[in-house]
Amino acid sequence: SGNMTATGTSGVTEQVTIGGVVTTITIVTTNNGTANTLYAASAPSLGSAGVAGHNSSSTNSEDMIITFSPAVDIASMRVISTQTHSRTWTFAAAGNTSVDETNTFGSSTDVDLDFTSVSTLTISSDFTGGVTEQMIVDHVTLAATCAAPTAQATSASFGTETSSTLTLNSFTAPAGGATGYAVYIRDTNSFTAPADGAEPTADTSWNDAGQQAVYFGTSASPTVTVTGLDLNTQYFYQVYAYNDCSGVETYETTGLNANDTTAKGALTVTANSGLSKVYGATDPTFTYTITGFLGTDNEASLDTPVSISRASGENVANYVVTPASAADADYNISFVTTTFGITQAALTVTANSGLSKVYGATDPTLTYTITGFVNGDVEGDLD
């Protein structure tokens, strides 16, 4: 945007930088097919810095042909008449609707073109009025042709994983920027870039049906949490950046590839409490309860089953009952112990009956019988 400064013969070339992209502009003016001279502000009667094709003929209409390499979008141009009558300028470019603009002597008119992807622009006049005419073009306002971002997002950052959720907190916007992003998740590392103009509907509940959009928007810090995932499973993410080109999303197709893994599940194996036995009896069956299985998993799914035992000993006391051994690739497993009590057995000491003596005689030996000993215990084992 601004004054064009080429001076010299027809065919002058300039380079213009637009949004970091260099386009080469070549200007050719013709008088009924014959090239004319280009002038800058010092040209006769121009009155404004610009580029003019000076038509030395008084009878023929004149054209100015401007080529752009690479193609550009043209927002507007300024035209100036140098004669005392009104004239109509026609602006034409392939693939765009021509624009006619009437302009009077001594005034400048900014012509809104909104042309896209212009490689050749032809400006013609309806004037054949019998006097020498000057064609002046100034202040060409160019908009860089809308294109996909020139780089990808980088450096994905994830939040805390759970056994069923993953959270993509943020990523670094691509060098050169982007309008927005489409983020996909999949359980295999294979993605297809969205077509230009696609606006995927985000679904953050995992459907296990291939490439799934989980975010579509403008933030590089979306903090998007996907739920319903399988535990201890690696998932892949692909972030495609896009630029909004007049309402049409134009995507870069390489994307940022990242991955994260859900956490293992947590199982708790708890020895069931409330068991005991009487001294000398056989141990009961020790049991346990497992909590924390996810989905359809159950005890049969364990890679290594649970074992359970108590500390050794048969005397009256409390003994620790410990579940152990269980293992599984998808779960972290913790164990909770309990106590098992051995209680006293019952002994009965009965005085033997049937003894007596005659008055004045010495007492007989009094005796008793003990019943209830177990484990081979005898009276000599009494404390």
Protein backbone atom coordinates (compact mmCIF):
# COMPACT_ATOMS: atom_id res chain seq x y z
CA SER A 1 0.00 0.00 0.00
CA GLY A 2 1.27 3.49 -0.80
CA ASN A 3 2.78 5.37 -3.69
CA MET A 4 4.19 3.39 -6.57
CA THR A 5 7.52 4.79 -7.63
CA ALA A 6 8.45 3.15 -10.91
CA THR A 7 9.75 5.49 -13.60
CA GLY A 8 10.92 4.56 -17.06
CA THR A 9 9.79 2.71 -20.10
CA SER A 10 6.88 0.34 -20.31
CA GLY A 11 7.60 -2.94 -18.59
CA VAL A 12 9.01 -1.49 -15.38
CA THR A 13 9.12 -4.04 -12.53
CA GLU A 14 8.92 -3.44 -8.78
CA GLN A 15 9.00 -5.76 -5.83
CA VAL A 16 6.47 -5.17 -3.05
CA THR A 17 6.51 -6.88 0.33
CA ILE A 18 3.05 -7.79 1.63
CA GLY A 19 2.67 -9.55 4.95
CA GLY A 20 6.18 -10.91 4.66
CA VAL A 21 5.54 -12.21 1.14
CA VAL A 22 7.28 -10.57 -1.81
CA THR A 23 5.29 -10.12 -4.99
CA THR A 24 6.83 -8.79 -8.19
CA ILE A 25 4.75 -6.19 -10.04
CA THR A 26 5.28 -5.56 -13.74
CA ILE A 27 3.44 -2.68 -15.41
CA VAL A 28 2.86 -2.37 -19.14
CA THR A 29 0.91 0.46 -20.73
CA THR A 30 -0.32 0.33 -24.28
CA ASN A 31 -1.82 2.71 -26.77
CA ASN A 32 -3.79 0.53 -29.11
CA GLY A 33 -1.22 -2.20 -28.51
CA THR A 34 1.83 0.07 -28.51
CA ALA A 35 3.83 0.35 -25.28
CA ASN A 36 3.97 3.80 -23.68
CA THR A 37 6.27 5.42 -21.19
CA LEU A 38 5.77 5.15 -17.42
CA TYR A 39 6.21 8.22 -15.25
CA ALA A 40 6.50 8.95 -11.57
CA ALA A 41 5.59 12.21 -9.80
CA SER A 42 7.79 14.27 -12.09
CA ALA A 43 5.71 13.37 -15.12
CA PRO A 44 3.73 16.24 -16.68
CA SER A 45 0.42 17.13 -15.06
CA LEU A 46 0.38 14.16 -12.71
CA GLY A 47 0.00 16.24 -9.57
CA SER A 48 0.48 13.18 -7.32
CA ALA A 49 3.17 10.62 -6.85
CA GLY A 50 2.21 7.56 -8.80
CA VAL A 51 2.75 5.55 -11.92
CA ALA A 52 1.26 6.71 -15.19
CA GLY A 53 1.11 5.50 -18.73
CA HIS A 54 1.45 8.68 -20.77
CA ASN A 55 -0.61 8.30 -23.93
CA SER A 56 0.83 10.50 -26.65
CA SER A 57 -2.02 9.73 -29.01
CA SER A 58 -5.20 11.77 -29.11
CA THR A 59 -7.40 9.16 -30.72
CA ASN A 60 -6.95 5.77 -29.13
CA SER A 61 -8.02 4.37 -25.82
CA GLU A 62 -5.30 3.19 -23.50
CA ASP A 63 -4.76 0.13 -21.34
CA MET A 64 -2.52 -0.54 -18.39
CA ILE A 65 -1.69 -4.17 -17.67
CA ILE A 66 -0.23 -5.02 -14.27
CA THR A 67 1.01 -8.51 -13.47
CA PHE A 68 1.71 -9.90 -9.99
CA SER A 69 3.97 -12.81 -9.18
CA PRO A 70 2.91 -14.53 -7.02
CA ALA A 71 -0.76 -13.67 -7.27
CA VAL A 72 -2.26 -11.29 -4.71
CA ASP A 73 -5.60 -10.09 -3.45
CA ILE A 74 -6.27 -6.45 -4.35
CA ALA A 75 -8.41 -4.45 -1.97
CA SER A 76 -8.43 -1.11 -3.80
CA MET A 77 -6.64 1.24 -6.20
CA ARG A 78 -6.63 5.00 -6.64
CA VAL A 79 -7.19 6.55 -10.07
CA ILE A 80 -6.71 10.14 -11.19
CA SER A 81 -8.02 11.84 -14.33
CA THR A 82 -5.90 14.44 -16.12
CA GLN A 83 -8.52 15.67 -18.58
CA THR A 84 -11.50 17.92 -18.14
CA HIS A 85 -14.18 15.36 -18.83
CA SER A 86 -15.53 12.38 -16.94
CA ARG A 87 -14.23 9.02 -17.93
CA THR A 88 -14.95 5.44 -16.97
CA TRP A 89 -12.18 3.11 -15.90
CA THR A 90 -12.76 -0.63 -16.12
CA PHE A 91 -10.81 -2.97 -13.86
CA ALA A 92 -10.74 -6.62 -14.93
CA ALA A 93 -9.03 -9.75 -13.60
CA ALA A 94 -9.70 -13.37 -14.40
CA GLY A 95 -12.10 -15.03 -11.99
CA ASN A 96 -13.40 -11.71 -10.64
CA THR A 97 -16.33 -9.52 -11.60
CA SER A 98 -15.16 -6.43 -13.51
CA VAL A 99 -15.53 -3.07 -11.77
CA ASP A 100 -16.38 0.19 -13.59
CA GLU A 101 -15.57 3.51 -11.96
CA THR A 102 -16.33 7.01 -13.31
CA ASN A 103 -13.81 9.66 -12.40
CA THR A 104 -13.69 13.38 -13.15
CA PHE A 105 -10.78 15.70 -13.82
CA GLY A 106 -8.56 16.73 -10.95
CA SER A 107 -10.01 14.30 -8.42
CA SER A 108 -8.77 11.01 -7.11
CA THR A 109 -11.03 8.07 -6.50
CA ASP A 110 -10.27 5.02 -4.40
CA VAL A 111 -11.87 2.12 -6.20
CA ASP A 112 -12.91 -0.82 -4.05
CA LEU A 113 -12.06 -3.96 -6.00
CA ASP A 114 -11.88 -6.85 -3.53
CA PHE A 115 -10.30 -8.97 -6.23
CA THR A 116 -8.79 -12.29 -5.20
CA SER A 117 -5.91 -14.34 -6.60
CA VAL A 118 -4.97 -11.74 -9.20
CA SER A 119 -2.03 -12.50 -11.44
CA THR A 120 -2.99 -10.10 -14.24
CA LEU A 121 -4.99 -6.89 -13.83
CA THR A 122 -6.12 -4.92 -16.87
CA ILE A 123 -7.17 -1.30 -16.46
CA SER A 124 -8.82 0.24 -19.53
CA SER A 125 -10.45 3.56 -20.31
CA ASP A 126 -13.40 4.51 -22.51
CA PHE A 127 -11.70 7.74 -23.57
CA THR A 128 -11.01 8.38 -27.27
CA GLY A 129 -11.57 12.09 -27.04
CA GLY A 130 -9.04 13.64 -29.39
CA VAL A 131 -6.55 15.01 -26.87
CA THR A 132 -3.47 13.63 -25.21
CA GLU A 133 -4.43 11.64 -22.10
CA GLN A 134 -2.54 10.50 -19.04
CA MET A 135 -3.49 7.37 -17.10
CA ILE A 136 -2.50 7.58 -13.45
CA VAL A 137 -2.67 4.80 -10.87
CA ASP A 138 -1.63 5.41 -7.27
CA HIS A 139 -2.01 3.86 -3.83
CA VAL A 140 -2.50 0.25 -4.78
CA THR A 141 -3.69 -1.52 -1.61
CA LEU A 142 -2.85 -5.20 -1.65
CA ALA A 143 -3.86 -7.89 0.78
CA ALA A 144 -1.69 -10.97 0.88
CA THR A 145 -3.45 -13.90 -0.71
CA CYS A 146 -4.91 -15.88 2.14
CA ALA A 147 -3.03 -19.08 2.72
CA ALA A 148 -2.61 -21.76 5.33
CA PRO A 149 -0.28 -21.10 8.26
CA THR A 150 3.33 -21.55 7.18
CA ALA A 151 4.27 -23.61 10.25
CA GLN A 152 2.73 -25.97 12.75
CA ALA A 153 1.90 -25.60 16.41
CA THR A 154 4.55 -27.00 18.77
CA SER A 155 5.07 -28.11 22.36
CA ALA A 156 1.84 -29.71 23.50
CA SER A 157 1.30 -29.56 27.27
CA PHE A 158 -0.91 -32.09 29.08
CA GLY A 159 -2.55 -31.99 32.49
CA THR A 160 -2.81 -34.73 35.10
CA GLU A 161 -3.89 -38.05 33.66
CA THR A 162 -6.55 -40.24 35.21
CA SER A 163 -7.47 -43.79 34.30
CA SER A 164 -10.26 -42.53 32.00
CA THR A 165 -9.38 -38.93 31.07
CA LEU A 166 -6.64 -36.94 29.34
CA THR A 167 -6.39 -33.15 29.30
CA LEU A 168 -4.63 -31.16 26.58
CA ASN A 169 -3.92 -27.87 28.31
CA SER A 170 -2.08 -25.91 25.65
CA PHE A 171 0.38 -25.78 22.78
CA THR A 172 2.59 -23.11 21.25
CA ALA A 173 1.09 -21.24 18.32
CA PRO A 174 2.96 -21.67 15.03
CA ALA A 175 5.58 -19.17 13.98
CA GLY A 176 3.73 -16.62 11.89
CA GLY A 177 0.52 -17.21 13.81
CA ALA A 178 -2.79 -18.82 12.94
CA THR A 179 -6.45 -17.95 13.22
CA GLY A 180 -7.44 -21.16 14.99
CA TYR A 181 -7.01 -24.88 15.43
CA ALA A 182 -8.72 -28.21 14.93
CA VAL A 183 -7.60 -30.84 17.45
CA TYR A 184 -8.14 -34.56 16.97
CA ILE A 185 -7.55 -37.66 19.12
CA ARG A 186 -7.10 -41.27 18.10
CA ASP A 187 -5.84 -44.51 19.63
CA THR A 188 -3.56 -45.10 16.62
CA ASN A 189 -1.10 -42.57 15.23
CA SER A 190 -2.79 -42.02 11.87
CA PHE A 191 -4.55 -38.80 10.93
CA THR A 192 -6.01 -37.09 7.91
CA ALA A 193 -5.90 -33.30 7.72
CA PRO A 194 -9.31 -31.61 7.47
CA ALA A 195 -10.34 -30.23 4.09
CA ASP A 196 -10.26 -26.46 3.70
CA GLY A 197 -13.51 -25.02 4.93
CA ALA A 198 -14.14 -27.88 7.36
CA GLU A 199 -15.48 -26.90 10.78
CA PRO A 200 -15.44 -30.14 12.78
CA THR A 201 -17.85 -30.57 15.67
CA ALA A 202 -15.93 -31.25 18.86
CA ASP A 203 -16.92 -34.25 20.98
CA THR A 204 -14.92 -34.77 24.18
CA SER A 205 -16.53 -38.12 25.06
CA TRP A 206 -14.39 -40.85 23.48
CA ASN A 207 -16.37 -42.85 20.94
CA ASP A 208 -13.63 -45.30 19.91
CA ALA A 209 -14.52 -44.79 16.26
CA GLY A 210 -11.24 -43.54 14.77
CA GLN A 211 -10.11 -39.95 14.31
CA GLN A 212 -12.27 -37.80 16.58
CA ALA A 213 -12.39 -34.00 16.77
CA VAL A 214 -12.18 -32.78 20.37
CA TYR A 215 -11.60 -29.05 19.81
CA PHE A 216 -12.29 -26.45 17.12
CA GLY A 217 -11.57 -22.86 18.04
CA THR A 218 -9.10 -20.02 18.25
CA SER A 219 -7.28 -20.66 21.54
CA ALA A 220 -3.84 -22.21 21.86
CA SER A 221 -4.74 -22.97 25.51
CA PRO A 222 -7.98 -24.91 25.10
CA THR A 223 -7.69 -27.07 28.27
CA VAL A 224 -9.81 -29.75 26.63
CA THR A 225 -10.50 -32.92 28.65
CA VAL A 226 -11.47 -36.12 26.86
CA THR A 227 -13.46 -38.60 28.95
CA GLY A 228 -14.37 -42.27 28.64
CA LEU A 229 -10.88 -43.43 27.69
CA ASP A 230 -9.41 -46.84 28.42
CA LEU A 231 -7.04 -47.10 31.35
CA ASN A 232 -3.29 -47.37 30.82
CA THR A 233 -3.65 -46.68 27.09
CA GLN A 234 -1.65 -44.38 24.84
CA TYR A 235 -3.66 -41.90 22.77
CA PHE A 236 -2.40 -39.67 19.98
CA TYR A 237 -3.30 -36.05 19.30
CA GLN A 238 -3.03 -34.03 16.09
CA VAL A 239 -3.37 -30.24 16.06
CA TYR A 240 -3.99 -28.62 12.68
CA ALA A 241 -3.67 -24.82 12.48
CA TYR A 242 -5.78 -22.82 10.05
CA ASN A 243 -6.21 -19.27 8.78
CA ASP A 244 -9.65 -17.81 8.23
CA CYS A 245 -9.74 -16.78 4.57
CA SER A 246 -12.92 -14.75 4.22
CA GLY A 247 -14.85 -17.30 6.24
CA VAL A 248 -13.09 -20.34 4.77
CA GLU A 249 -10.70 -22.18 7.09
CA THR A 250 -7.45 -22.93 5.23
CA TYR A 251 -5.45 -25.63 7.03
CA GLU A 252 -1.81 -26.51 7.15
CA THR A 253 -1.66 -30.26 6.64
CA THR A 254 1.37 -31.36 8.68
CA GLY A 255 0.02 -30.65 12.16
CA LEU A 256 1.45 -31.01 15.63
CA ASN A 257 1.60 -34.65 16.69
CA ALA A 258 1.65 -35.48 20.40
CA ASN A 259 0.63 -38.30 22.70
CA ASP A 260 -0.28 -39.01 26.29
CA THR A 261 -1.17 -42.14 28.25
CA THR A 262 -4.03 -42.61 30.68
CA ALA A 263 -3.15 -43.63 34.21
CA LYS A 264 -3.43 -47.17 35.52
CA GLY A 265 -6.49 -48.08 37.54
CA ALA A 266 -6.28 -48.44 41.32
CA LEU A 267 -7.36 -51.68 43.00
CA THR A 268 -7.65 -52.25 46.73
CA VAL A 269 -7.60 -55.78 48.10
CA THR A 270 -8.96 -55.82 51.66
CA ALA A 271 -8.83 -58.85 53.94
CA ASN A 272 -12.29 -59.40 55.40
CA SER A 273 -12.44 -58.91 59.15
CA GLY A 274 -14.47 -60.57 61.89
CA LEU A 275 -12.96 -64.07 61.69
CA SER A 276 -11.67 -65.98 64.71
CA LYS A 277 -11.40 -69.49 66.09
CA VAL A 278 -11.22 -71.28 69.40
CA TYR A 279 -7.83 -72.58 70.40
CA GLY A 280 -7.25 -75.95 68.86
CA ALA A 281 -9.82 -75.55 66.10
CA THR A 282 -9.08 -75.54 62.38
CA ASP A 283 -8.60 -72.13 60.73
CA PRO A 284 -11.60 -70.83 58.79
CA THR A 285 -11.26 -69.83 55.14
CA PHE A 286 -9.79 -66.36 54.92
CA THR A 287 -11.54 -64.10 52.40
CA TYR A 288 -10.99 -60.68 50.82
CA THR A 289 -12.81 -58.01 48.83
CA ILE A 290 -11.42 -56.26 45.72
CA THR A 291 -12.62 -52.77 44.81
CA GLY A 292 -11.69 -50.51 41.88
CA PHE A 293 -12.22 -52.61 38.76
CA LEU A 294 -13.13 -50.54 35.70
CA GLY A 295 -15.37 -51.42 32.80
CA THR A 296 -15.92 -55.14 32.49
CA ASP A 297 -12.75 -56.08 34.38
CA ASN A 298 -13.09 -58.43 37.34
CA GLU A 299 -10.95 -60.68 39.49
CA ALA A 300 -10.58 -63.16 36.67
CA SER A 301 -8.89 -60.40 34.62
CA LEU A 302 -5.91 -60.16 36.99
CA ASP A 303 -2.59 -61.20 35.56
CA THR A 304 -1.67 -62.76 38.93
CA PRO A 305 -4.39 -63.82 41.40
CA VAL A 306 -4.70 -62.81 45.03
CA SER A 307 -3.26 -64.98 47.78
CA ILE A 308 -4.14 -64.57 51.46
CA SER A 309 -2.62 -65.96 54.66
CA ARG A 310 -2.13 -65.19 58.33
CA ALA A 311 0.89 -65.00 60.52
CA SER A 312 1.81 -68.40 61.95
CA GLY A 313 0.98 -69.44 65.50
CA GLU A 314 -1.64 -71.46 67.41
CA ASN A 315 -1.52 -69.91 70.85
CA VAL A 316 -4.27 -67.65 72.01
CA ALA A 317 -3.49 -64.25 70.42
CA ASN A 318 -4.31 -61.97 67.50
CA TYR A 319 -2.62 -62.67 64.18
CA VAL A 320 -2.30 -60.43 61.07
CA VAL A 321 -4.13 -61.65 57.98
CA THR A 322 -2.43 -60.38 54.80
CA PRO A 323 -3.70 -60.44 51.19
CA ALA A 324 -0.86 -60.37 48.66
CA SER A 325 0.56 -61.42 45.28
CA ALA A 326 -2.10 -59.88 43.02
CA ALA A 327 -0.67 -58.04 40.00
CA ASP A 328 -1.97 -56.58 36.76
CA ALA A 329 -0.42 -54.44 34.01
CA ASP A 330 -3.38 -52.05 34.01
CA TYR A 331 -3.74 -51.52 37.76
CA ASN A 332 -1.78 -50.34 40.73
CA ILE A 333 -2.81 -52.64 43.59
CA SER A 334 -2.78 -51.93 47.32
CA PHE A 335 -3.50 -54.33 50.15
CA VAL A 336 -5.30 -53.85 53.48
CA THR A 337 -4.71 -56.33 56.31
CA THR A 338 -6.92 -57.37 59.20
CA THR A 339 -6.48 -59.39 62.41
CA PHE A 340 -7.56 -62.91 63.23
CA GLY A 341 -8.07 -63.93 66.85
CA ILE A 342 -7.55 -67.29 68.53
CA THR A 343 -9.63 -67.43 71.67
CA GLN A 344 -9.27 -69.69 74.73
CA ALA A 345 -10.67 -73.20 74.67
CA ALA A 346 -12.92 -74.22 77.57
CA LEU A 347 -11.68 -76.70 80.22
CA THR A 348 -13.96 -78.22 82.81
CA VAL A 349 -12.50 -79.44 86.12
CA THR A 350 -14.99 -81.77 87.86
CA ALA A 351 -14.49 -83.06 91.44
CA ASN A 352 -14.90 -86.78 91.40
CA SER A 353 -17.91 -87.94 93.36
CA GLY A 354 -18.64 -91.05 95.39
CA LEU A 355 -16.08 -90.48 98.16
CA SER A 356 -16.95 -90.76 101.87
CA LYS A 357 -15.45 -91.77 105.28
CA VAL A 358 -16.56 -93.14 108.65
CA TYR A 359 -16.82 -90.70 111.42
CA GLY A 360 -13.50 -90.21 113.00
CA ALA A 361 -11.60 -91.65 110.06
CA THR A 362 -9.05 -89.81 107.97
CA ASP A 363 -10.31 -88.07 104.77
CA PRO A 364 -9.69 -89.96 101.58
CA THR A 365 -7.73 -88.30 98.77
CA LEU A 366 -9.99 -85.93 96.96
CA THR A 367 -9.69 -86.17 93.15
CA TYR A 368 -10.99 -84.37 90.04
CA THR A 369 -11.29 -84.82 86.33
CA ILE A 370 -10.33 -82.21 83.71
CA THR A 371 -12.05 -82.31 80.31
CA GLY A 372 -11.51 -80.12 77.22
CA PHE A 373 -7.81 -80.38 76.53
CA VAL A 374 -6.92 -80.08 72.79
CA ASN A 375 -3.79 -80.26 70.66
CA GLY A 376 -2.39 -82.99 72.93
CA ASP A 377 -2.31 -80.67 75.90
CA VAL A 378 -2.40 -82.28 79.35
CA GLU A 379 -2.75 -81.09 82.89
CA GLY A 380 0.97 -80.61 83.08
CA ASP A 381 0.68 -77.86 80.45
CA LEU A 382 -1.52 -75.73 82.68
CA ASP A 383 0.03 -72.47 83.69
